[in-house]
Amino acid sequence: MVERSAHGPESDGAQSIARAGRLVLAVADAGSTGIRLSMLAAALELPQPTVHRMLGALCRVGVLHRMPRSNRYFLGRALAAPRGAAVPFEVLQRAARPALIRLATRVGDNVFLSVRDRYEAVCLDRMEGAFPIRYGLLDIGVRRPLGMGAASLALLAQLPDDAVDDALRVNRDLLTGAHAPSHLRLLVEQTRLDGFAFDDGRLFAGGCGIGMAIATGDQPALGAISIGAIAARMPRERLPELADALRAEVGSIAQALDARAQLDGSA
């Protein structure tokens, strides 16, 4: 009986499968914001040309998907949940843009789209309302710990209690004062009761924000939309009106995502 070399074809094949598995897991960990080739190569400690070949092969069979505009990689249709839980952030941005425009036009204040990336909230898009006084304008790409700001608090409140505890523990050095973990736990409960998150000046003195998570079915929140204004434009008696406006547009975004998922499923 011939003994195979430790470095023979079977060993090489197993090594390639293990590398591909690690690559897919790294893309899955990146979540809805995706991940670039350079970051994957660094995480796996592999040459970029090697990772590029692996990514190409995995994209061809539908395990991964590359968004041409951003060159970020996401889980492909072959691994997507039945209702498309892992929605690429560019897809969410396109689905939400009409809702942001309508909302900014309706309320006259600044409107933001945010998404959760592990224990942070990332601003993906914004629309400026017609009111001339701006409130704490949040730039696209800015990150905040979960719980800081209306959209970020809405995303935090959507998580199960153990994940909320994890987020507060990871970010504990950044969560101080009005954003102390003990206070945020109370705000999470209030957000769940109200159905929206309200920031009464904790983030920016003289400003307020109201946010609502975007969720479909039983899946975790895909993102959140929020309205920011100076405090004089967001008295508590206006909150029901703003919450209704947010709720309508959250519903429109969910419908747009559902329609896209159905088209993808029939393709």
C-alpha atoms as a PDB file:
ATOM      1  CA  MET A   1       0.000   0.000   0.000  1.00  0.00           C
ATOM      2  CA  VAL A   2       1.442   3.323  -1.079  1.00  0.00           C
ATOM      3  CA  GLU A   3       1.511   6.044   1.593  1.00  0.00           C
ATOM      4  CA  ARG A   4       0.472   9.483   0.355  1.00  0.00           C
ATOM      5  CA  SER A   5       2.674  12.474   0.944  1.00  0.00           C
ATOM      6  CA  ALA A   6       1.551  14.942   3.591  1.00  0.00           C
ATOM      7  CA  HIS A   7       1.753  17.556   0.855  1.00  0.00           C
ATOM      8  CA  GLY A   8      -0.056  15.575  -1.840  1.00  0.00           C
ATOM      9  CA  PRO A   9      -3.213  16.441  -3.773  1.00  0.00           C
ATOM     10  CA  GLU A  10      -5.581  15.523  -0.938  1.00  0.00           C
ATOM     11  CA  SER A  11      -3.728  17.760   1.528  1.00  0.00           C
ATOM     12  CA  ASP A  12      -3.686  20.643  -0.963  1.00  0.00           C
ATOM     13  CA  GLY A  13      -7.401  20.215  -1.615  1.00  0.00           C
ATOM     14  CA  ALA A  14      -8.238  20.265   2.078  1.00  0.00           C
ATOM     15  CA  GLN A  15      -6.123  23.372   2.542  1.00  0.00           C
ATOM     16  CA  SER A  16      -7.940  25.144  -0.306  1.00  0.00           C
ATOM     17  CA  ILE A  17     -11.327  24.237   1.161  1.00  0.00           C
ATOM     18  CA  ALA A  18     -10.257  25.505   4.579  1.00  0.00           C
ATOM     19  CA  ARG A  19      -9.081  28.791   3.063  1.00  0.00           C
ATOM     20  CA  ALA A  20     -12.357  29.205   1.179  1.00  0.00           C
ATOM     21  CA  GLY A  21     -14.295  28.508   4.361  1.00  0.00           C
ATOM     22  CA  ARG A  22     -12.343  31.114   6.288  1.00  0.00           C
ATOM     23  CA  LEU A  23     -12.935  33.586   3.471  1.00  0.00           C
ATOM     24  CA  VAL A  24     -16.696  33.042   3.490  1.00  0.00           C
ATOM     25  CA  LEU A  25     -16.818  33.379   7.282  1.00  0.00           C
ATOM     26  CA  ALA A  26     -14.887  36.658   7.102  1.00  0.00           C
ATOM     27  CA  VAL A  27     -17.370  38.037   4.548  1.00  0.00           C
ATOM     28  CA  ALA A  28     -20.290  36.879   6.712  1.00  0.00           C
ATOM     29  CA  ASP A  29     -18.768  38.615   9.754  1.00  0.00           C
ATOM     30  CA  ALA A  30     -18.618  41.878   7.800  1.00  0.00           C
ATOM     31  CA  GLY A  31     -22.415  41.896   7.666  1.00  0.00           C
ATOM     32  CA  SER A  32     -24.439  44.463   5.756  1.00  0.00           C
ATOM     33  CA  THR A  33     -21.518  46.816   5.045  1.00  0.00           C
ATOM     34  CA  GLY A  34     -19.518  44.222   3.125  1.00  0.00           C
ATOM     35  CA  ILE A  35     -15.730  44.014   2.997  1.00  0.00           C
ATOM     36  CA  ARG A  36     -12.994  44.862   0.521  1.00  0.00           C
ATOM     37  CA  LEU A  37     -10.413  42.476  -0.934  1.00  0.00           C
ATOM     38  CA  SER A  38      -7.514  44.189   0.845  1.00  0.00           C
ATOM     39  CA  MET A  39      -9.175  43.759   4.240  1.00  0.00           C
ATOM     40  CA  LEU A  40      -9.883  40.084   3.543  1.00  0.00           C
ATOM     41  CA  ALA A  41      -6.276  39.470   2.492  1.00  0.00           C
ATOM     42  CA  ALA A  42      -5.026  41.111   5.679  1.00  0.00           C
ATOM     43  CA  ALA A  43      -7.477  39.200   7.877  1.00  0.00           C
ATOM     44  CA  LEU A  44      -6.554  35.842   6.326  1.00  0.00           C
ATOM     45  CA  GLU A  45      -2.841  36.714   5.998  1.00  0.00           C
ATOM     46  CA  LEU A  46      -2.840  35.706   2.335  1.00  0.00           C
ATOM     47  CA  PRO A  47      -1.513  37.463  -0.795  1.00  0.00           C
ATOM     48  CA  GLN A  48      -4.090  39.655  -2.496  1.00  0.00           C
ATOM     49  CA  PRO A  49      -3.810  37.816  -5.877  1.00  0.00           C
ATOM     50  CA  THR A  50      -4.614  34.527  -4.100  1.00  0.00           C
ATOM     51  CA  VAL A  51      -7.640  36.042  -2.346  1.00  0.00           C
ATOM     52  CA  HIS A  52      -8.769  37.653  -5.618  1.00  0.00           C
ATOM     53  CA  ARG A  53      -8.795  34.253  -7.366  1.00  0.00           C
ATOM     54  CA  MET A  54     -10.721  32.666  -4.501  1.00  0.00           C
ATOM     55  CA  LEU A  55     -13.266  35.485  -4.445  1.00  0.00           C
ATOM     56  CA  GLY A  56     -13.786  35.177  -8.195  1.00  0.00           C
ATOM     57  CA  ALA A  57     -14.468  31.454  -7.923  1.00  0.00           C
ATOM     58  CA  LEU A  58     -16.881  31.890  -5.008  1.00  0.00           C
ATOM     59  CA  CYS A  59     -18.741  34.675  -6.840  1.00  0.00           C
ATOM     60  CA  ARG A  60     -19.128  32.508  -9.956  1.00  0.00           C
ATOM     61  CA  VAL A  61     -20.968  29.810  -8.008  1.00  0.00           C
ATOM     62  CA  GLY A  62     -23.155  32.303  -6.113  1.00  0.00           C
ATOM     63  CA  VAL A  63     -21.611  31.892  -2.666  1.00  0.00           C
ATOM     64  CA  LEU A  64     -20.376  35.499  -2.649  1.00  0.00           C
ATOM     65  CA  HIS A  65     -21.406  38.655  -4.478  1.00  0.00           C
ATOM     66  CA  ARG A  66     -19.328  41.703  -5.404  1.00  0.00           C
ATOM     67  CA  MET A  67     -20.919  45.142  -5.644  1.00  0.00           C
ATOM     68  CA  PRO A  68     -19.173  46.808  -8.628  1.00  0.00           C
ATOM     69  CA  ARG A  69     -19.647  50.369  -7.362  1.00  0.00           C
ATOM     70  CA  SER A  70     -17.909  49.835  -4.034  1.00  0.00           C
ATOM     71  CA  ASN A  71     -15.831  46.704  -4.758  1.00  0.00           C
ATOM     72  CA  ARG A  72     -17.123  45.214  -1.530  1.00  0.00           C
ATOM     73  CA  TYR A  73     -18.009  41.562  -1.104  1.00  0.00           C
ATOM     74  CA  PHE A  74     -21.189  40.185   0.484  1.00  0.00           C
ATOM     75  CA  LEU A  75     -22.762  36.787   0.975  1.00  0.00           C
ATOM     76  CA  GLY A  76     -24.323  35.712  -2.305  1.00  0.00           C
ATOM     77  CA  ARG A  77     -27.796  34.436  -3.078  1.00  0.00           C
ATOM     78  CA  ALA A  78     -26.696  30.847  -2.477  1.00  0.00           C
ATOM     79  CA  LEU A  79     -26.185  31.620   1.219  1.00  0.00           C
ATOM     80  CA  ALA A  80     -28.831  34.308   1.712  1.00  0.00           C
ATOM     81  CA  ALA A  81     -31.608  33.785   4.238  1.00  0.00           C
ATOM     82  CA  PRO A  82     -35.103  33.203   2.765  1.00  0.00           C
ATOM     83  CA  ARG A  83     -36.059  36.862   3.240  1.00  0.00           C
ATOM     84  CA  GLY A  84     -32.637  38.226   2.383  1.00  0.00           C
ATOM     85  CA  ALA A  85     -31.454  39.091   5.883  1.00  0.00           C
ATOM     86  CA  ALA A  86     -27.988  40.064   4.664  1.00  0.00           C
ATOM     87  CA  VAL A  87     -29.019  42.977   2.438  1.00  0.00           C
ATOM     88  CA  PRO A  88     -25.965  44.736   0.963  1.00  0.00           C
ATOM     89  CA  PHE A  89     -25.772  48.310   2.177  1.00  0.00           C
ATOM     90  CA  GLU A  90     -25.860  49.701  -1.387  1.00  0.00           C
ATOM     91  CA  VAL A  91     -29.133  47.862  -1.992  1.00  0.00           C
ATOM     92  CA  LEU A  92     -30.600  49.299   1.204  1.00  0.00           C
ATOM     93  CA  GLN A  93     -29.371  52.760   0.243  1.00  0.00           C
ATOM     94  CA  ARG A  94     -31.063  52.597  -3.164  1.00  0.00           C
ATOM     95  CA  ALA A  95     -34.304  51.274  -1.681  1.00  0.00           C
ATOM     96  CA  ALA A  96     -34.343  53.989   0.981  1.00  0.00           C
ATOM     97  CA  ARG A  97     -33.411  57.019  -1.142  1.00  0.00           C
ATOM     98  CA  PRO A  98     -36.977  57.819  -2.364  1.00  0.00           C
ATOM     99  CA  ALA A  99     -38.253  57.521   1.219  1.00  0.00           C
ATOM    100  CA  LEU A 100     -35.556  59.896   2.484  1.00  0.00           C
ATOM    101  CA  ILE A 101     -36.482  62.461  -0.149  1.00  0.00           C
ATOM    102  CA  ARG A 102     -40.180  62.269   0.696  1.00  0.00           C
ATOM    103  CA  LEU A 103     -39.497  62.444   4.419  1.00  0.00           C
ATOM    104  CA  ALA A 104     -37.146  65.457   4.190  1.00  0.00           C
ATOM    105  CA  THR A 105     -39.695  67.241   2.004  1.00  0.00           C
ATOM    106  CA  ARG A 106     -42.545  66.436   4.383  1.00  0.00           C
ATOM    107  CA  VAL A 107     -40.921  67.406   7.675  1.00  0.00           C
ATOM    108  CA  GLY A 108     -38.489  70.069   6.455  1.00  0.00           C
ATOM    109  CA  ASP A 109     -35.610  68.814   8.594  1.00  0.00           C
ATOM    110  CA  ASN A 110     -32.524  66.689   8.028  1.00  0.00           C
ATOM    111  CA  VAL A 111     -33.105  62.966   7.471  1.00  0.00           C
ATOM    112  CA  PHE A 112     -30.536  60.189   7.831  1.00  0.00           C
ATOM    113  CA  LEU A 113     -30.172  56.521   6.922  1.00  0.00           C
ATOM    114  CA  SER A 114     -27.973  54.411   9.219  1.00  0.00           C
ATOM    115  CA  VAL A 115     -27.037  50.740   9.378  1.00  0.00           C
ATOM    116  CA  ARG A 116     -25.607  48.581  12.143  1.00  0.00           C
ATOM    117  CA  ASP A 117     -22.071  47.266  11.725  1.00  0.00           C
ATOM    118  CA  ARG A 118     -21.500  44.999  14.706  1.00  0.00           C
ATOM    119  CA  TYR A 119     -21.509  47.374  17.688  1.00  0.00           C
ATOM    120  CA  GLU A 120     -21.554  50.627  15.730  1.00  0.00           C
ATOM    121  CA  ALA A 121     -24.058  52.602  13.673  1.00  0.00           C
ATOM    122  CA  VAL A 122     -22.820  53.922  10.320  1.00  0.00           C
ATOM    123  CA  CYS A 123     -24.458  56.783   8.407  1.00  0.00           C
ATOM    124  CA  LEU A 124     -25.120  55.603   4.837  1.00  0.00           C
ATOM    125  CA  ASP A 125     -27.112  58.499   3.424  1.00  0.00           C
ATOM    126  CA  ARG A 126     -28.685  61.826   4.310  1.00  0.00           C
ATOM    127  CA  MET A 127     -31.138  64.351   2.946  1.00  0.00           C
ATOM    128  CA  GLU A 128     -31.380  68.001   3.974  1.00  0.00           C
ATOM    129  CA  GLY A 129     -34.773  69.539   4.601  1.00  0.00           C
ATOM    130  CA  ALA A 130     -35.773  73.064   3.647  1.00  0.00           C
ATOM    131  CA  PHE A 131     -35.509  74.545   7.152  1.00  0.00           C
ATOM    132  CA  PRO A 132     -32.455  76.833   7.056  1.00  0.00           C
ATOM    133  CA  ILE A 133     -31.029  76.052  10.508  1.00  0.00           C
ATOM    134  CA  ARG A 134     -29.076  72.782  10.444  1.00  0.00           C
ATOM    135  CA  TYR A 135     -28.860  70.385  13.359  1.00  0.00           C
ATOM    136  CA  GLY A 136     -25.688  68.396  14.020  1.00  0.00           C
ATOM    137  CA  LEU A 137     -25.258  67.366  10.403  1.00  0.00           C
ATOM    138  CA  LEU A 138     -24.115  63.763  10.295  1.00  0.00           C
ATOM    139  CA  ASP A 139     -21.701  63.029   7.465  1.00  0.00           C
ATOM    140  CA  ILE A 140     -21.999  59.871   5.392  1.00  0.00           C
ATOM    141  CA  GLY A 141     -19.577  57.253   6.697  1.00  0.00           C
ATOM    142  CA  VAL A 142     -19.459  58.582  10.261  1.00  0.00           C
ATOM    143  CA  ARG A 143     -19.596  55.841  12.886  1.00  0.00           C
ATOM    144  CA  ARG A 144     -21.006  56.002  16.403  1.00  0.00           C
ATOM    145  CA  PRO A 145     -21.288  53.431  19.179  1.00  0.00           C
ATOM    146  CA  LEU A 146     -24.727  51.843  19.302  1.00  0.00           C
ATOM    147  CA  GLY A 147     -27.018  53.944  21.480  1.00  0.00           C
ATOM    148  CA  MET A 148     -25.556  57.358  20.611  1.00  0.00           C
ATOM    149  CA  GLY A 149     -28.092  59.233  18.500  1.00  0.00           C
ATOM    150  CA  ALA A 150     -31.668  58.447  17.560  1.00  0.00           C
ATOM    151  CA  ALA A 151     -31.005  55.988  14.708  1.00  0.00           C
ATOM    152  CA  SER A 152     -28.234  54.295  16.673  1.00  0.00           C
ATOM    153  CA  LEU A 153     -30.515  53.884  19.685  1.00  0.00           C
ATOM    154  CA  ALA A 154     -33.280  52.469  17.474  1.00  0.00           C
ATOM    155  CA  LEU A 155     -30.829  49.873  16.133  1.00  0.00           C
ATOM    156  CA  LEU A 156     -29.623  48.990  19.624  1.00  0.00           C
ATOM    157  CA  ALA A 157     -33.185  48.511  20.882  1.00  0.00           C
ATOM    158  CA  GLN A 158     -33.883  46.026  18.067  1.00  0.00           C
ATOM    159  CA  LEU A 159     -31.255  43.629  19.388  1.00  0.00           C
ATOM    160  CA  PRO A 160     -32.051  40.889  21.907  1.00  0.00           C
ATOM    161  CA  ASP A 161     -31.093  41.648  25.507  1.00  0.00           C
ATOM    162  CA  ASP A 162     -27.893  39.609  25.482  1.00  0.00           C
ATOM    163  CA  ALA A 163     -26.689  41.395  22.328  1.00  0.00           C
ATOM    164  CA  VAL A 164     -27.545  44.758  23.918  1.00  0.00           C
ATOM    165  CA  ASP A 165     -25.382  43.782  26.899  1.00  0.00           C
ATOM    166  CA  ASP A 166     -22.548  42.798  24.542  1.00  0.00           C
ATOM    167  CA  ALA A 167     -22.745  46.135  22.709  1.00  0.00           C
ATOM    168  CA  LEU A 168     -22.697  48.134  25.932  1.00  0.00           C
ATOM    169  CA  ARG A 169     -19.778  46.115  27.250  1.00  0.00           C
ATOM    170  CA  VAL A 170     -17.705  46.506  24.061  1.00  0.00           C
ATOM    171  CA  ASN A 171     -18.374  50.264  23.892  1.00  0.00           C
ATOM    172  CA  ARG A 172     -18.243  50.965  27.633  1.00  0.00           C
ATOM    173  CA  ASP A 173     -15.180  53.250  27.370  1.00  0.00           C
ATOM    174  CA  LEU A 174     -17.022  55.461  24.863  1.00  0.00           C
ATOM    175  CA  LEU A 175     -20.378  55.522  26.645  1.00  0.00           C
ATOM    176  CA  THR A 176     -20.262  58.157  29.333  1.00  0.00           C
ATOM    177  CA  GLY A 177     -22.498  60.829  30.810  1.00  0.00           C
ATOM    178  CA  ALA A 178     -25.977  60.779  29.273  1.00  0.00           C
ATOM    179  CA  HIS A 179     -24.928  57.712  27.268  1.00  0.00           C
ATOM    180  CA  ALA A 180     -23.746  55.675  30.246  1.00  0.00           C
ATOM    181  CA  PRO A 181     -24.722  51.978  29.892  1.00  0.00           C
ATOM    182  CA  SER A 182     -27.112  52.130  32.854  1.00  0.00           C
ATOM    183  CA  HIS A 183     -28.989  55.004  31.222  1.00  0.00           C
ATOM    184  CA  LEU A 184     -28.965  53.412  27.768  1.00  0.00           C
ATOM    185  CA  ARG A 185     -30.593  50.266  29.136  1.00  0.00           C
ATOM    186  CA  LEU A 186     -33.518  52.403  30.317  1.00  0.00           C
ATOM    187  CA  LEU A 187     -33.664  54.174  26.952  1.00  0.00           C
ATOM    188  CA  VAL A 188     -33.714  50.811  25.151  1.00  0.00           C
ATOM    189  CA  GLU A 189     -36.793  49.803  27.138  1.00  0.00           C
ATOM    190  CA  GLN A 190     -38.466  53.159  26.443  1.00  0.00           C
ATOM    191  CA  THR A 191     -37.686  52.837  22.732  1.00  0.00           C
ATOM    192  CA  ARG A 192     -39.245  49.388  22.612  1.00  0.00           C
ATOM    193  CA  LEU A 193     -42.372  50.680  24.340  1.00  0.00           C
ATOM    194  CA  ASP A 194     -42.722  53.766  22.120  1.00  0.00           C
ATOM    195  CA  GLY A 195     -41.796  52.088  18.843  1.00  0.00           C
ATOM    196  CA  PHE A 196     -39.267  54.848  18.115  1.00  0.00           C
ATOM    197  CA  ALA A 197     -36.091  56.277  19.635  1.00  0.00           C
ATOM    198  CA  PHE A 198     -35.939  59.861  20.869  1.00  0.00           C
ATOM    199  CA  ASP A 199     -32.793  61.872  21.562  1.00  0.00           C
ATOM    200  CA  ASP A 200     -33.681  64.976  23.558  1.00  0.00           C
ATOM    201  CA  GLY A 201     -30.274  66.644  23.279  1.00  0.00           C
ATOM    202  CA  ARG A 202     -28.027  63.898  24.622  1.00  0.00           C
ATOM    203  CA  LEU A 203     -25.912  63.888  21.466  1.00  0.00           C
ATOM    204  CA  PHE A 204     -25.923  67.598  20.562  1.00  0.00           C
ATOM    205  CA  ALA A 205     -26.921  70.373  22.942  1.00  0.00           C
ATOM    206  CA  GLY A 206     -29.838  72.302  21.510  1.00  0.00           C
ATOM    207  CA  GLY A 207     -30.847  69.570  19.104  1.00  0.00           C
ATOM    208  CA  CYS A 208     -33.189  66.599  19.053  1.00  0.00           C
ATOM    209  CA  GLY A 209     -33.580  63.450  16.990  1.00  0.00           C
ATOM    210  CA  ILE A 210     -36.177  60.761  16.435  1.00  0.00           C
ATOM    211  CA  GLY A 211     -35.385  57.431  14.791  1.00  0.00           C
ATOM    212  CA  MET A 212     -37.052  54.180  13.797  1.00  0.00           C
ATOM    213  CA  ALA A 213     -35.595  50.830  12.788  1.00  0.00           C
ATOM    214  CA  ILE A 214     -36.237  49.200   9.410  1.00  0.00           C
ATOM    215  CA  ALA A 215     -37.097  45.537   9.849  1.00  0.00           C
ATOM    216  CA  THR A 216     -38.826  42.918   7.717  1.00  0.00           C
ATOM    217  CA  GLY A 217     -40.582  39.921   9.217  1.00  0.00           C
ATOM    218  CA  ASP A 218     -38.601  38.142  11.910  1.00  0.00           C
ATOM    219  CA  GLN A 219     -35.240  39.383  10.686  1.00  0.00           C
ATOM    220  CA  PRO A 220     -33.060  41.814  12.696  1.00  0.00           C
ATOM    221  CA  ALA A 221     -33.254  45.480  11.770  1.00  0.00           C
ATOM    222  CA  LEU A 222     -31.634  46.183   8.406  1.00  0.00           C
ATOM    223  CA  GLY A 223     -31.061  49.811   9.286  1.00  0.00           C
ATOM    224  CA  ALA A 224     -32.805  52.851  10.683  1.00  0.00           C
ATOM    225  CA  ILE A 225     -33.986  56.237   9.481  1.00  0.00           C
ATOM    226  CA  SER A 226     -33.960  59.322  11.667  1.00  0.00           C
ATOM    227  CA  ILE A 227     -34.891  62.988  11.669  1.00  0.00           C
ATOM    228  CA  GLY A 228     -32.671  65.632  13.264  1.00  0.00           C
ATOM    229  CA  ALA A 229     -33.746  69.166  14.128  1.00  0.00           C
ATOM    230  CA  ILE A 230     -33.077  71.997  16.534  1.00  0.00           C
ATOM    231  CA  ALA A 231     -34.934  71.478  19.794  1.00  0.00           C
ATOM    232  CA  ALA A 232     -37.454  74.219  19.046  1.00  0.00           C
ATOM    233  CA  ARG A 233     -38.666  72.223  16.027  1.00  0.00           C
ATOM    234  CA  MET A 234     -39.089  68.966  17.900  1.00  0.00           C
ATOM    235  CA  PRO A 235     -41.261  69.587  20.969  1.00  0.00           C
ATOM    236  CA  ARG A 236     -42.757  66.437  22.447  1.00  0.00           C
ATOM    237  CA  GLU A 237     -46.202  67.275  21.076  1.00  0.00           C
ATOM    238  CA  ARG A 238     -44.745  66.956  17.560  1.00  0.00           C
ATOM    239  CA  LEU A 239     -43.339  63.475  18.161  1.00  0.00           C
ATOM    240  CA  PRO A 240     -46.520  61.546  17.194  1.00  0.00           C
ATOM    241  CA  GLU A 241     -46.598  63.358  13.824  1.00  0.00           C
ATOM    242  CA  LEU A 242     -42.921  62.621  13.181  1.00  0.00           C
ATOM    243  CA  ALA A 243     -43.285  59.011  14.338  1.00  0.00           C
ATOM    244  CA  ASP A 244     -46.175  58.534  11.879  1.00  0.00           C
ATOM    245  CA  ALA A 245     -44.052  59.974   9.072  1.00  0.00           C
ATOM    246  CA  LEU A 246     -41.151  57.665   9.954  1.00  0.00           C
ATOM    247  CA  ARG A 247     -43.454  54.657  10.220  1.00  0.00           C
ATOM    248  CA  ALA A 248     -44.900  55.269   6.752  1.00  0.00           C
ATOM    249  CA  GLU A 249     -41.465  55.486   5.147  1.00  0.00           C
ATOM    250  CA  VAL A 250     -40.071  52.528   7.075  1.00  0.00           C
ATOM    251  CA  GLY A 251     -42.981  50.563   5.622  1.00  0.00           C
ATOM    252  CA  SER A 252     -42.236  51.805   2.106  1.00  0.00           C
ATOM    253  CA  ILE A 253     -38.573  50.778   2.406  1.00  0.00           C
ATOM    254  CA  ALA A 254     -39.538  47.315   3.667  1.00  0.00           C
ATOM    255  CA  GLN A 255     -41.932  46.919   0.730  1.00  0.00           C
ATOM    256  CA  ALA A 256     -39.229  47.938  -1.742  1.00  0.00           C
ATOM    257  CA  LEU A 257     -36.825  45.399  -0.250  1.00  0.00           C
ATOM    258  CA  ASP A 258     -39.495  42.679  -0.302  1.00  0.00           C
ATOM    259  CA  ALA A 259     -40.235  43.416  -3.968  1.00  0.00           C
ATOM    260  CA  ARG A 260     -36.545  43.154  -4.799  1.00  0.00           C
ATOM    261  CA  ALA A 261     -36.253  39.856  -2.896  1.00  0.00           C
ATOM    262  CA  GLN A 262     -39.195  38.429  -4.852  1.00  0.00           C
ATOM    263  CA  LEU A 263     -37.648  39.470  -8.148  1.00  0.00           C
ATOM    264  CA  ASP A 264     -34.321  37.911  -7.131  1.00  0.00           C
ATOM    265  CA  GLY A 265     -36.126  34.721  -6.124  1.00  0.00           C
ATOM    266  CA  SER A 266     -37.873  34.424  -9.466  1.00  0.00           C
ATOM    267  CA  ALA A 267     -34.765  35.174 -11.500  1.00  0.00           C
END
